[in-house]
Protein backbone atom coordinates (compact mmCIF):
# COMPACT_ATOMS: atom_id res chain seq x y z
CA UNK A 1 14.76 -21.67 13.80
CA UNK A 2 14.27 -23.90 16.81
CA UNK A 3 16.38 -22.23 19.49
CA UNK A 4 14.08 -20.43 21.93
CA UNK A 5 16.59 -17.67 22.67
CA UNK A 6 17.14 -17.01 18.95
CA UNK A 7 13.40 -16.71 18.40
CA UNK A 8 13.10 -14.39 21.38
CA UNK A 9 15.93 -12.14 20.21
CA UNK A 10 14.62 -11.98 16.65
CA UNK A 11 11.12 -11.12 17.84
CA UNK A 12 12.43 -8.44 20.18
CA UNK A 13 14.31 -6.93 17.22
CA UNK A 14 11.18 -7.07 15.06
CA UNK A 15 9.03 -5.55 17.79
CA UNK A 16 11.38 -2.60 18.22
CA UNK A 17 14.09 -1.62 20.66
CA UNK A 18 11.65 0.39 22.75
CA UNK A 19 9.70 -2.75 23.67
CA UNK A 20 10.34 -3.57 27.32
CA UNK A 21 10.70 -7.09 28.67
CA UNK A 22 7.32 -6.74 30.39
CA UNK A 23 5.61 -5.66 27.17
CA UNK A 24 7.34 -8.46 25.25
CA UNK A 25 6.03 -10.99 27.80
CA UNK A 26 2.52 -9.57 27.44
CA UNK A 27 2.62 -9.89 23.64
CA UNK A 28 4.24 -13.33 23.35
CA UNK A 29 4.27 -16.59 25.30
CA UNK A 30 4.60 -20.36 25.00
CA UNK A 31 1.75 -22.82 25.31
CA UNK A 32 2.17 -24.91 28.47
CA UNK A 33 0.94 -28.05 26.68
CA UNK A 34 3.49 -27.53 23.90
CA UNK A 35 6.59 -25.62 24.96
CA UNK A 36 7.81 -25.60 21.36
CA UNK A 37 4.80 -23.56 20.23
CA UNK A 38 5.33 -19.82 20.53
CA UNK A 39 2.33 -17.49 20.38
CA UNK A 40 2.05 -13.77 19.61
CA UNK A 41 -0.96 -11.48 19.86
CA UNK A 42 -2.53 -9.62 16.96
CA UNK A 43 -1.32 -6.43 18.62
CA UNK A 44 2.21 -7.81 18.56
CA UNK A 45 1.90 -8.52 14.84
CA UNK A 46 0.62 -4.98 14.27
CA UNK A 47 3.62 -3.57 16.15
CA UNK A 48 5.96 -5.69 14.01
CA UNK A 49 4.27 -4.43 10.84
CA UNK A 50 4.54 -0.80 11.94
CA UNK A 51 8.15 -1.15 13.14
CA UNK A 52 9.24 -2.92 9.94
CA UNK A 53 7.24 -0.61 7.62
CA UNK A 54 5.22 -3.51 6.24
CA UNK A 55 1.85 -2.60 4.76
CA UNK A 56 -0.73 -5.33 4.21
CA UNK A 57 -3.09 -5.19 1.24
CA UNK A 58 -6.19 -7.35 1.00
CA UNK A 59 -8.26 -8.82 -1.80
CA UNK A 60 -12.01 -8.74 -1.41
CA UNK A 61 -13.32 -11.57 0.76
CA UNK A 62 -14.75 -14.59 -1.04
CA UNK A 63 -16.62 -17.69 0.14
CA UNK A 64 -15.09 -21.11 -0.54
CA UNK A 65 -16.89 -24.17 0.84
CA UNK A 66 -18.49 -22.20 3.69
CA UNK A 67 -15.17 -20.48 4.51
CA UNK A 68 -14.84 -16.72 4.32
CA UNK A 69 -11.41 -16.28 2.73
CA UNK A 70 -9.30 -13.13 2.40
CA UNK A 71 -5.95 -12.99 0.62
CA UNK A 72 -3.38 -10.79 2.36
CA UNK A 73 -0.29 -9.46 0.55
CA UNK A 74 2.76 -7.54 1.69
CA UNK A 75 5.83 -6.28 -0.16
CA UNK A 76 9.03 -6.79 1.84
CA UNK A 77 11.88 -4.28 1.98
CA UNK A 78 13.88 -6.35 -0.50
CA UNK A 79 11.01 -6.37 -2.99
CA UNK A 80 9.59 -9.84 -2.41
CA UNK A 81 5.82 -10.21 -2.58
CA UNK A 82 4.55 -12.40 0.26
CA UNK A 83 1.00 -13.73 0.17
CA UNK A 84 -1.11 -15.64 2.66
CA UNK A 85 -4.76 -16.25 3.44
CA UNK A 86 -7.04 -15.74 6.37
CA UNK A 87 -10.17 -17.82 6.68
CA UNK A 88 -13.03 -18.16 9.10
CA UNK A 89 -16.09 -20.38 9.38
CA UNK A 90 -18.60 -21.38 12.02
CA UNK A 91 -16.36 -24.23 13.25
CA UNK A 92 -13.13 -22.30 13.75
CA UNK A 93 -14.52 -18.89 14.64
CA UNK A 94 -16.87 -18.11 17.53
CA UNK A 95 -16.56 -14.41 16.79
CA UNK A 96 -19.71 -12.66 15.56
CA UNK A 97 -17.59 -10.94 12.90
CA UNK A 98 -16.05 -13.71 10.72
CA UNK A 99 -14.80 -11.32 8.02
CA UNK A 100 -12.89 -9.35 10.63
CA UNK A 101 -11.41 -12.58 12.00
CA UNK A 102 -10.41 -13.73 8.51
CA UNK A 103 -8.70 -10.38 7.97
CA UNK A 104 -6.82 -10.65 11.29
CA UNK A 105 -5.63 -14.16 10.47
CA UNK A 106 -4.50 -13.12 7.00
CA UNK A 107 -2.71 -10.06 8.40
CA UNK A 108 -0.85 -11.94 11.11
CA UNK A 109 0.14 -14.86 8.88
CA UNK A 110 1.53 -12.69 6.09
CA UNK A 111 3.43 -10.44 8.52
CA UNK A 112 5.01 -13.42 10.29
CA UNK A 113 5.87 -15.01 6.94
CA UNK A 114 7.38 -11.76 5.65
CA UNK A 115 9.58 -11.66 8.76
CA UNK A 116 10.56 -15.33 8.34
CA UNK A 117 9.25 -16.48 11.71
CA UNK A 118 5.98 -18.17 10.70
CA UNK A 119 6.20 -21.80 11.75
CA UNK A 120 8.35 -20.88 14.73
CA UNK A 121 5.68 -18.58 16.11
CA UNK A 122 1.92 -18.34 15.49
CA UNK A 123 -0.64 -15.64 16.02
CA UNK A 124 -3.20 -16.23 18.76
CA UNK A 125 -5.83 -15.51 16.09
CA UNK A 126 -5.05 -18.88 14.46
CA UNK A 127 -7.00 -20.54 17.27
CA UNK A 128 -8.23 -17.99 19.84
CA UNK A 129 -9.68 -20.66 22.14
CA UNK A 130 -6.50 -22.75 22.33
CA UNK A 131 -3.94 -19.96 21.82
CA UNK A 132 -5.09 -17.87 24.77
CA UNK A 133 -3.22 -16.17 27.58
CA UNK A 134 -5.82 -17.63 29.93
CA UNK A 135 -4.63 -21.13 28.93
CA UNK A 136 -0.94 -20.38 29.54
CA UNK A 137 0.43 -21.42 32.94
CA UNK A 138 3.68 -19.49 32.50
CA UNK A 139 2.12 -16.34 31.08
CA UNK A 140 2.33 -13.24 33.25
CA UNK A 141 -1.24 -12.33 32.52
CA UNK A 142 -4.79 -13.17 33.45
CA UNK A 143 -4.17 -16.24 35.60
CA UNK A 144 -1.43 -14.62 37.64
CA UNK A 145 -3.58 -11.60 38.31
CA UNK A 146 -6.67 -13.68 39.01
CA UNK A 147 -4.81 -15.96 41.43
CA UNK A 148 -3.82 -12.92 43.48
CA UNK A 149 -7.08 -11.05 43.25
CA UNK A 150 -10.22 -11.85 41.29
CA UNK A 151 -10.96 -8.15 40.85
CA UNK A 152 -7.50 -7.51 39.36
CA UNK A 153 -8.04 -10.49 37.07
CA UNK A 154 -11.24 -9.03 35.63
CA UNK A 155 -9.66 -5.59 35.38
CA UNK A 156 -6.67 -7.01 33.47
CA UNK A 157 -8.95 -8.97 31.14
CA UNK A 158 -11.20 -6.00 30.32
CA UNK A 159 -8.27 -3.65 29.71
CA UNK A 160 -6.75 -6.14 27.28
CA UNK A 161 -9.85 -6.47 25.08
CA UNK A 162 -8.80 -4.29 22.16
CA UNK A 163 -11.79 -4.01 19.82
CA UNK A 164 -15.57 -3.78 19.92
CA UNK A 165 -15.79 -7.00 17.88
CA UNK A 166 -13.70 -8.91 20.40
CA UNK A 167 -15.79 -7.47 23.24
CA UNK A 168 -19.05 -8.48 21.53
CA UNK A 169 -17.74 -12.04 21.17
CA UNK A 170 -16.67 -12.23 24.83
CA UNK A 171 -19.37 -10.16 26.50
CA UNK A 172 -21.88 -12.91 27.34
CA UNK A 173 -19.23 -15.11 28.97
CA UNK A 174 -17.68 -12.15 30.76
CA UNK A 175 -21.10 -11.02 32.01
CA UNK A 176 -21.90 -14.47 33.41
CA UNK A 177 -18.53 -14.78 35.16
CA UNK A 178 -18.86 -11.33 36.68
CA UNK A 179 -22.37 -12.13 37.90
CA UNK A 180 -21.27 -15.40 39.50
CA UNK A 181 -18.01 -14.06 40.94
CA UNK A 182 -17.30 -13.41 44.62
CA UNK A 183 -16.80 -9.68 44.01
CA UNK A 184 -18.80 -7.24 46.09
CA UNK A 185 -21.32 -4.82 44.61
CA UNK A 186 -18.91 -1.89 44.53
CA UNK A 187 -16.27 -3.86 42.62
CA UNK A 188 -18.82 -5.13 40.12
CA UNK A 189 -20.11 -1.58 39.53
CA UNK A 190 -16.57 -0.29 38.96
CA UNK A 191 -15.87 -2.99 36.40
CA UNK A 192 -19.21 -2.40 34.71
CA UNK A 193 -18.48 1.32 34.43
CA UNK A 194 -15.11 0.55 32.84
CA UNK A 195 -16.87 -1.70 30.34
CA UNK A 196 -19.43 1.00 29.54
CA UNK A 197 -16.68 3.57 28.96
CA UNK A 198 -14.68 1.30 26.62
CA UNK A 199 -17.44 -0.55 24.76
CA UNK A 200 -21.02 -0.47 23.58
CA UNK A 201 -22.76 -3.21 25.53
CA UNK A 202 -24.76 -5.65 23.43
CA UNK A 203 -27.94 -6.33 25.41
CA UNK A 204 -29.37 -8.83 22.98
């Protein structure tokens, strides 16, 4: 499937009729350096799985040539068993929780394959550094908010960190950017309080 509109319509169907255009645009986007490469968030893949009643089962993680590998399996509605793998190593994963990252990659790949869109669209977990909203010029996300107001940009970024593991991986960089930003003391304290409410801060 190469037609952009067909991909968009199929994804909107998979994500559920209650998904608004704004939410759809927050969960999916195209890379500016490759307009033919469509990206979806892990959250988007989870919504697809829930909407389509797809339940992922995992084998125990194993280590193959320094890769942590997890097999992910899902049974489709028509009885087909779809399998894929998630892997993580020190070169392709900056996250402090490589098993969690391998699980996410396996989950997203097998869900997209089960829905027959893998290859037309990829999860951002495939390459979090390259497949990032912050790297997308046409994404209505971090850059748009940050261009209007640096405070809103940080607020948007913090609110869209979904897990403690993701926060732990991003905290040092986020802390440095907050410290070196042009925000005033009151704004920095507000953001810091939001962080404290949502996450356990790693002071190491």
